[in-house]
Amino acid sequence: MNKKKKLSQIHQKRIKAAKAKGSGKKKSDYVSKADRAKLEEAQEPESELEDSASNDN
């Protein structure tokens, strides 16, 4: 590999790493299955209340 190509590759690699570092997270944090079940249970009563309130009108 010649010197110019090698330097170019190193430069591109550093630019790519800098962009990745500044872009932020794309994935959300892991939520366990038990925690998801708890969240769903907490949301279900709220939706039932909204349904009953809309039926009263």
Protein backbone atom coordinates (compact mmCIF):
# COMPACT_ATOMS: atom_id res chain seq x y z
CA MET A 1 0.00 0.00 0.00
CA ASN A 2 1.50 3.33 -0.92
CA LYS A 3 2.03 6.17 1.53
CA LYS A 4 -0.63 8.48 0.07
CA LYS A 5 -3.36 5.84 0.20
CA LYS A 6 -2.44 4.82 3.74
CA LEU A 7 -2.57 8.43 4.99
CA SER A 8 -5.89 8.93 3.24
CA GLN A 9 -7.37 5.85 4.90
CA ILE A 10 -6.16 6.95 8.34
CA HIS A 11 -7.66 10.39 7.80
CA GLN A 12 -11.03 8.96 6.68
CA LYS A 13 -11.07 6.60 9.66
CA ARG A 14 -10.52 9.48 12.09
CA ILE A 15 -13.24 11.58 10.45
CA LYS A 16 -15.68 8.66 10.65
CA ALA A 17 -14.88 8.12 14.34
CA ALA A 18 -15.38 11.81 15.13
CA LYS A 19 -18.76 11.86 13.38
CA ALA A 20 -19.89 8.73 15.23
CA LYS A 21 -18.86 10.19 18.56
CA GLY A 22 -20.78 13.43 18.01
CA SER A 23 -23.94 11.89 16.58
CA GLY A 24 -25.33 10.64 19.89
CA LYS A 25 -27.07 7.43 20.77
CA LYS A 26 -29.44 5.82 18.32
CA LYS A 27 -30.62 2.93 20.46
CA SER A 28 -32.67 3.32 23.59
CA ASP A 29 -31.61 1.72 26.85
CA TYR A 30 -32.55 -1.90 27.45
CA VAL A 31 -35.79 -2.43 29.37
CA SER A 32 -36.27 -5.86 30.88
CA LYS A 33 -39.36 -7.92 30.20
CA ALA A 34 -40.55 -7.52 33.81
CA ASP A 35 -40.18 -3.74 33.61
CA ARG A 36 -42.11 -3.65 30.33
CA ALA A 37 -44.92 -5.63 31.93
CA LYS A 38 -45.05 -3.18 34.84
CA LEU A 39 -45.22 -0.24 32.44
CA GLU A 40 -48.02 -1.85 30.47
CA GLU A 41 -50.00 -2.51 33.66
CA ALA A 42 -49.56 1.09 34.70
CA GLN A 43 -50.81 2.33 31.32
CA GLU A 44 -53.84 0.03 31.09
CA PRO A 45 -55.84 1.64 33.93
CA GLU A 46 -55.24 5.08 32.41
CA SER A 47 -56.58 3.98 29.04
CA GLU A 48 -59.61 2.37 30.72
CA LEU A 49 -60.34 5.65 32.49
CA GLU A 50 -60.13 7.56 29.23
CA ASP A 51 -62.47 5.08 27.53
CA SER A 52 -65.06 5.35 30.31
CA ALA A 53 -64.82 9.15 30.28
CA SER A 54 -65.45 9.28 26.53
CA ASN A 55 -68.42 6.90 26.88
CA ASP A 56 -70.05 9.15 29.47
CA ASN A 57 -70.35 12.03 26.97
